[in-house]
């Protein structure tokens, strides 16, 4: 059964909710978050960002929490 997971980005000493994903487990939810919000070094240098302007960069910390 799919669950809804909130995705939180930790940057500059703050946590910010950047969206949600739906998956069965936390591991799969983390993968889905990277697939949806992740940006590679090359994309970051080109000025690309994720949906809504928020992105998970390679050195960022993030977490997913179930609703």
PDB file of N, CA and C in Angstrom:
ATOM      1  N   UNK A   1       0.837  -1.181   0.000  1.00  0.00           N
ATOM      2  CA  UNK A   1       0.000   0.000   0.000  1.00  0.00           C
ATOM      3  C   UNK A   1       0.887   1.252   0.000  1.00  0.00           C
ATOM      4  N   UNK A   2       0.565   2.186  -0.866  1.00  0.00           N
ATOM      5  CA  UNK A   2       1.337   3.425  -0.960  1.00  0.00           C
ATOM      6  C   UNK A   2       1.024   4.346   0.207  1.00  0.00           C
ATOM      7  N   UNK A   3       2.074   5.030   0.664  1.00  0.00           N
ATOM      8  CA  UNK A   3       1.945   6.041   1.707  1.00  0.00           C
ATOM      9  C   UNK A   3       2.385   7.372   1.115  1.00  0.00           C
ATOM     10  N   UNK A   4       1.897   8.447   1.698  1.00  0.00           N
ATOM     11  CA  UNK A   4       2.360   9.774   1.322  1.00  0.00           C
ATOM     12  C   UNK A   4       3.473  10.174   2.287  1.00  0.00           C
ATOM     13  N   UNK A   5       4.575  10.644   1.728  1.00  0.00           N
ATOM     14  CA  UNK A   5       5.755  11.049   2.500  1.00  0.00           C
ATOM     15  C   UNK A   5       6.049  12.513   2.216  1.00  0.00           C
ATOM     16  N   UNK A   6       6.235  13.300   3.267  1.00  0.00           N
ATOM     17  CA  UNK A   6       6.672  14.687   3.111  1.00  0.00           C
ATOM     18  C   UNK A   6       8.193  14.689   2.944  1.00  0.00           C
ATOM     19  N   UNK A   7       8.679  15.556   2.075  1.00  0.00           N
ATOM     20  CA  UNK A   7      10.112  15.668   1.812  1.00  0.00           C
ATOM     21  C   UNK A   7      10.599  16.980   2.427  1.00  0.00           C
ATOM     22  N   UNK A   8      11.587  16.869   3.325  1.00  0.00           N
ATOM     23  CA  UNK A   8      12.157  18.030   4.006  1.00  0.00           C
ATOM     24  C   UNK A   8      13.618  18.184   3.608  1.00  0.00           C
ATOM     25  N   UNK A   9      13.971  19.397   3.258  1.00  0.00           N
ATOM     26  CA  UNK A   9      15.338  19.739   2.899  1.00  0.00           C
ATOM     27  C   UNK A   9      15.970  20.460   4.085  1.00  0.00           C
ATOM     28  N   UNK A  10      17.181  20.052   4.454  1.00  0.00           N
ATOM     29  CA  UNK A  10      17.913  20.684   5.555  1.00  0.00           C
ATOM     30  C   UNK A  10      19.071  21.471   4.958  1.00  0.00           C
ATOM     31  N   UNK A  11      18.981  22.796   5.114  1.00  0.00           N
ATOM     32  CA  UNK A  11      20.015  23.661   4.542  1.00  0.00           C
ATOM     33  C   UNK A  11      20.135  24.917   5.395  1.00  0.00           C
ATOM     34  N   UNK A  12      21.357  25.373   5.619  1.00  0.00           N
ATOM     35  CA  UNK A  12      21.619  26.605   6.374  1.00  0.00           C
ATOM     36  C   UNK A  12      20.986  26.574   7.766  1.00  0.00           C
ATOM     37  N   UNK A  13      21.005  25.401   8.404  1.00  0.00           N
ATOM     38  CA  UNK A  13      20.475  25.277   9.759  1.00  0.00           C
ATOM     39  C   UNK A  13      18.964  25.284   9.862  1.00  0.00           C
ATOM     40  N   UNK A  14      18.274  25.185   8.732  1.00  0.00           N
ATOM     41  CA  UNK A  14      16.809  25.190   8.732  1.00  0.00           C
ATOM     42  C   UNK A  14      16.284  23.991   7.962  1.00  0.00           C
ATOM     43  N   UNK A  15      15.070  23.583   8.320  1.00  0.00           N
ATOM     44  CA  UNK A  15      14.367  22.537   7.577  1.00  0.00           C
ATOM     45  C   UNK A  15      13.198  23.174   6.846  1.00  0.00           C
ATOM     46  N   UNK A  16      13.004  22.743   5.616  1.00  0.00           N
ATOM     47  CA  UNK A  16      11.909  23.273   4.809  1.00  0.00           C
ATOM     48  C   UNK A  16      11.247  22.135   4.057  1.00  0.00           C
ATOM     49  N   UNK A  17       9.922  22.074   4.137  1.00  0.00           N
ATOM     50  CA  UNK A  17       9.176  21.085   3.365  1.00  0.00           C
ATOM     51  C   UNK A  17       9.170  21.539   1.912  1.00  0.00           C
ATOM     52  N   UNK A  18       9.617  20.656   1.014  1.00  0.00           N
ATOM     53  CA  UNK A  18       9.683  21.038  -0.397  1.00  0.00           C
ATOM     54  C   UNK A  18       8.673  20.286  -1.256  1.00  0.00           C
ATOM     55  N   UNK A  19       7.974  19.321  -0.664  1.00  0.00           N
ATOM     56  CA  UNK A  19       6.974  18.596  -1.438  1.00  0.00           C
ATOM     57  C   UNK A  19       6.659  17.256  -0.820  1.00  0.00           C
ATOM     58  N   UNK A  20       6.086  16.399  -1.632  1.00  0.00           N
ATOM     59  CA  UNK A  20       5.708  15.071  -1.169  1.00  0.00           C
ATOM     60  C   UNK A  20       5.886  14.055  -2.279  1.00  0.00           C
ATOM     61  N   UNK A  21       6.020  12.811  -1.873  1.00  0.00           N
ATOM     62  CA  UNK A  21       6.088  11.684  -2.800  1.00  0.00           C
ATOM     63  C   UNK A  21       5.217  10.569  -2.238  1.00  0.00           C
ATOM     64  N   UNK A  22       4.892   9.616  -3.067  1.00  0.00           N
ATOM     65  CA  UNK A  22       4.116   8.465  -2.615  1.00  0.00           C
ATOM     66  C   UNK A  22       4.894   7.198  -2.926  1.00  0.00           C
ATOM     67  N   UNK A  23       5.136   6.424  -1.880  1.00  0.00           N
ATOM     68  CA  UNK A  23       5.854   5.154  -2.020  1.00  0.00           C
ATOM     69  C   UNK A  23       5.475   4.232  -0.877  1.00  0.00           C
ATOM     70  N   UNK A  24       5.959   2.993  -0.959  1.00  0.00           N
ATOM     71  CA  UNK A  24       5.631   1.976   0.050  1.00  0.00           C
ATOM     72  C   UNK A  24       6.525   2.030   1.277  1.00  0.00           C
ATOM     73  N   UNK A  25       7.824   2.297   1.074  1.00  0.00           N
ATOM     74  CA  UNK A  25       8.787   2.273   2.175  1.00  0.00           C
ATOM     75  C   UNK A  25       9.587   3.574   2.196  1.00  0.00           C
ATOM     76  N   UNK A  26      10.284   3.807   3.317  1.00  0.00           N
ATOM     77  CA  UNK A  26      11.115   4.997   3.436  1.00  0.00           C
ATOM     78  C   UNK A  26      12.230   4.999   2.393  1.00  0.00           C
ATOM     79  N   UNK A  27      12.845   3.862   2.179  1.00  0.00           N
ATOM     80  CA  UNK A  27      13.927   3.778   1.188  1.00  0.00           C
ATOM     81  C   UNK A  27      13.426   4.155  -0.198  1.00  0.00           C
ATOM     82  N   UNK A  28      12.282   3.615  -0.578  1.00  0.00           N
ATOM     83  CA  UNK A  28      11.718   3.958  -1.884  1.00  0.00           C
ATOM     84  C   UNK A  28      11.276   5.415  -1.937  1.00  0.00           C
ATOM     85  N   UNK A  29      10.797   5.945  -0.820  1.00  0.00           N
ATOM     86  CA  UNK A  29      10.387   7.351  -0.767  1.00  0.00           C
ATOM     87  C   UNK A  29      11.601   8.271  -0.942  1.00  0.00           C
ATOM     88  N   UNK A  30      12.741   7.901  -0.351  1.00  0.00           N
ATOM     89  CA  UNK A  30      13.963   8.692  -0.536  1.00  0.00           C
ATOM     90  C   UNK A  30      14.396   8.677  -2.008  1.00  0.00           C
ATOM     91  N   UNK A  31      14.302   7.516  -2.639  1.00  0.00           N
ATOM     92  CA  UNK A  31      14.636   7.409  -4.064  1.00  0.00           C
ATOM     93  C   UNK A  31      13.695   8.262  -4.906  1.00  0.00           C
ATOM     94  N   UNK A  32      12.410   8.216  -4.581  1.00  0.00           N
ATOM     95  CA  UNK A  32      11.421   9.010  -5.313  1.00  0.00           C
ATOM     96  C   UNK A  32      11.672  10.502  -5.122  1.00  0.00           C
ATOM     97  N   UNK A  33      12.067  10.900  -3.905  1.00  0.00           N
ATOM     98  CA  UNK A  33      12.362  12.308  -3.642  1.00  0.00           C
ATOM     99  C   UNK A  33      13.553  12.765  -4.476  1.00  0.00           C
ATOM    100  N   UNK A  34      14.590  11.944  -4.548  1.00  0.00           N
ATOM    101  CA  UNK A  34      15.749  12.302  -5.367  1.00  0.00           C
ATOM    102  C   UNK A  34      15.390  12.358  -6.843  1.00  0.00           C
ATOM    103  N   UNK A  35      14.545  11.437  -7.272  1.00  0.00           N
ATOM    104  CA  UNK A  35      14.126  11.426  -8.669  1.00  0.00           C
ATOM    105  C   UNK A  35      13.327  12.688  -9.004  1.00  0.00           C
ATOM    106  N   UNK A  36      12.482  13.114  -8.098  1.00  0.00           N
ATOM    107  CA  UNK A  36      11.611  14.273  -8.350  1.00  0.00           C
ATOM    108  C   UNK A  36      12.308  15.602  -8.109  1.00  0.00           C
ATOM    109  N   UNK A  37      13.098  15.701  -7.023  1.00  0.00           N
ATOM    110  CA  UNK A  37      13.662  16.984  -6.616  1.00  0.00           C
ATOM    111  C   UNK A  37      15.176  17.075  -6.779  1.00  0.00           C
ATOM    112  N   UNK A  38      15.844  15.965  -7.056  1.00  0.00           N
ATOM    113  CA  UNK A  38      17.302  15.958  -7.133  1.00  0.00           C
ATOM    114  C   UNK A  38      17.846  16.665  -8.359  1.00  0.00           C
ATOM    115  N   UNK A  39      18.953  17.365  -8.164  1.00  0.00           N
ATOM    116  CA  UNK A  39      19.626  18.087  -9.237  1.00  0.00           C
ATOM    117  C   UNK A  39      21.094  17.683  -9.202  1.00  0.00           C
ATOM    118  N   UNK A  40      21.652  17.346 -10.346  1.00  0.00           N
ATOM    119  CA  UNK A  40      23.066  16.973 -10.425  1.00  0.00           C
ATOM    120  C   UNK A  40      23.947  18.223 -10.362  1.00  0.00           C
ATOM    121  N   UNK A  41      25.236  18.021 -10.155  1.00  0.00           N
ATOM    122  CA  UNK A  41      26.179  19.146 -10.158  1.00  0.00           C
ATOM    123  C   UNK A  41      26.104  19.914 -11.474  1.00  0.00           C
ATOM    124  N   UNK A  42      26.018  19.185 -12.580  1.00  0.00           N
ATOM    125  CA  UNK A  42      25.970  19.826 -13.895  1.00  0.00           C
ATOM    126  C   UNK A  42      24.696  20.670 -14.051  1.00  0.00           C
ATOM    127  N   UNK A  43      23.567  20.133 -13.603  1.00  0.00           N
ATOM    128  CA  UNK A  43      22.315  20.887 -13.687  1.00  0.00           C
ATOM    129  C   UNK A  43      22.357  22.125 -12.786  1.00  0.00           C
ATOM    130  N   UNK A  44      22.947  21.989 -11.611  1.00  0.00           N
ATOM    131  CA  UNK A  44      23.057  23.126 -10.695  1.00  0.00           C
ATOM    132  C   UNK A  44      23.903  24.232 -11.307  1.00  0.00           C
ATOM    133  N   UNK A  45      25.012  23.862 -11.950  1.00  0.00           N
ATOM    134  CA  UNK A  45      25.882  24.857 -12.578  1.00  0.00           C
ATOM    135  C   UNK A  45      25.181  25.546 -13.747  1.00  0.00           C
ATOM    136  N   UNK A  46      24.257  24.835 -14.383  1.00  0.00           N
ATOM    137  CA  UNK A  46      23.504  25.408 -15.500  1.00  0.00           C
ATOM    138  C   UNK A  46      22.322  26.240 -15.022  1.00  0.00           C
ATOM    139  N   UNK A  47      22.109  26.287 -13.684  1.00  0.00           N
ATOM    140  CA  UNK A  47      21.041  27.106 -13.139  1.00  0.00           C
ATOM    141  C   UNK A  47      19.692  26.428 -13.070  1.00  0.00           C
ATOM    142  N   UNK A  48      19.663  25.106 -13.224  1.00  0.00           N
ATOM    143  CA  UNK A  48      18.388  24.389 -13.154  1.00  0.00           C
ATOM    144  C   UNK A  48      18.015  24.153 -11.704  1.00  0.00           C
ATOM    145  N   UNK A  49      16.728  24.116 -11.436  1.00  0.00           N
ATOM    146  CA  UNK A  49      16.245  23.787 -10.095  1.00  0.00           C
ATOM    147  C   UNK A  49      15.083  22.826 -10.226  1.00  0.00           C
ATOM    148  N   UNK A  50      14.603  22.344  -9.098  1.00  0.00           N
ATOM    149  CA  UNK A  50      13.506  21.380  -9.098  1.00  0.00           C
ATOM    150  C   UNK A  50      12.162  22.035  -9.278  1.00  0.00           C
ATOM    151  N   UNK A  51      11.092  21.227  -9.218  1.00  0.00           N
ATOM    152  CA  UNK A  51       9.744  21.767  -9.325  1.00  0.00           C
ATOM    153  C   UNK A  51       9.503  22.788  -8.230  1.00  0.00           C
ATOM    154  N   UNK A  52       8.908  23.907  -8.569  1.00  0.00           N
ATOM    155  CA  UNK A  52       8.629  24.936  -7.579  1.00  0.00           C
ATOM    156  C   UNK A  52       9.867  25.705  -7.142  1.00  0.00           C
ATOM    157  N   UNK A  53      10.998  25.494  -7.824  1.00  0.00           N
ATOM    158  CA  UNK A  53      12.211  26.213  -7.506  1.00  0.00           C
ATOM    159  C   UNK A  53      13.069  25.573  -6.434  1.00  0.00           C
ATOM    160  N   UNK A  54      12.579  24.551  -5.754  1.00  0.00           N
ATOM    161  CA  UNK A  54      13.370  23.885  -4.727  1.00  0.00           C
ATOM    162  C   UNK A  54      14.025  22.642  -5.311  1.00  0.00           C
ATOM    163  N   UNK A  55      15.233  22.382  -4.867  1.00  0.00           N
ATOM    164  CA  UNK A  55      15.966  21.236  -5.385  1.00  0.00           C
ATOM    165  C   UNK A  55      16.829  20.641  -4.290  1.00  0.00           C
ATOM    166  N   UNK A  56      17.096  19.356  -4.415  1.00  0.00           N
ATOM    167  CA  UNK A  56      18.048  18.671  -3.538  1.00  0.00           C
ATOM    168  C   UNK A  56      19.349  18.567  -4.320  1.00  0.00           C
ATOM    169  N   UNK A  57      20.363  19.303  -3.844  1.00  0.00           N
ATOM    170  CA  UNK A  57      21.668  19.283  -4.483  1.00  0.00           C
ATOM    171  C   UNK A  57      22.496  18.131  -3.913  1.00  0.00           C
ATOM    172  N   UNK A  58      23.536  17.699  -4.626  1.00  0.00           N
ATOM    173  CA  UNK A  58      24.301  16.520  -4.202  1.00  0.00           C
ATOM    174  C   UNK A  58      24.798  16.550  -2.755  1.00  0.00           C
ATOM    175  N   UNK A  59      25.156  17.702  -2.217  1.00  0.00           N
ATOM    176  CA  UNK A  59      25.676  17.779  -0.853  1.00  0.00           C
ATOM    177  C   UNK A  59      24.609  18.077   0.194  1.00  0.00           C
ATOM    178  N   UNK A  60      23.346  18.238  -0.223  1.00  0.00           N
ATOM    179  CA  UNK A  60      22.268  18.554   0.714  1.00  0.00           C
ATOM    180  C   UNK A  60      21.852  17.339   1.543  1.00  0.00           C
ATOM    181  N   UNK A  61      21.378  17.628   2.742  1.00  0.00           N
ATOM    182  CA  UNK A  61      20.751  16.609   3.569  1.00  0.00           C
ATOM    183  C   UNK A  61      19.242  16.782   3.450  1.00  0.00           C
ATOM    184  N   UNK A  62      18.538  15.650   3.393  1.00  0.00           N
ATOM    185  CA  UNK A  62      17.084  15.703   3.325  1.00  0.00           C
ATOM    186  C   UNK A  62      16.525  14.479   4.019  1.00  0.00           C
ATOM    187  N   UNK A  63      15.237  14.535   4.321  1.00  0.00           N
ATOM    188  CA  UNK A  63      14.574  13.385   4.915  1.00  0.00           C
ATOM    189  C   UNK A  63      13.154  13.290   4.387  1.00  0.00           C
ATOM    190  N   UNK A  64      12.592  12.123   4.534  1.00  0.00           N
ATOM    191  CA  UNK A  64      11.195  11.887   4.205  1.00  0.00           C
ATOM    192  C   UNK A  64      10.505  11.403   5.473  1.00  0.00           C
ATOM    193  N   UNK A  65       9.300  11.913   5.713  1.00  0.00           N
ATOM    194  CA  UNK A  65       8.542  11.493   6.889  1.00  0.00           C
ATOM    195  C   UNK A  65       7.132  11.124   6.450  1.00  0.00           C
ATOM    196  N   UNK A  66       6.596  10.028   6.988  1.00  0.00           N
ATOM    197  CA  UNK A  66       5.250   9.622   6.584  1.00  0.00           C
ATOM    198  C   UNK A  66       4.208  10.566   7.169  1.00  0.00           C
ATOM    199  N   UNK A  67       3.118  10.691   6.478  1.00  0.00           N
ATOM    200  CA  UNK A  67       1.999  11.492   6.989  1.00  0.00           C
ATOM    201  C   UNK A  67       1.144  10.649   7.872  1.00  0.00           C
TER     202      UNK A  67
END
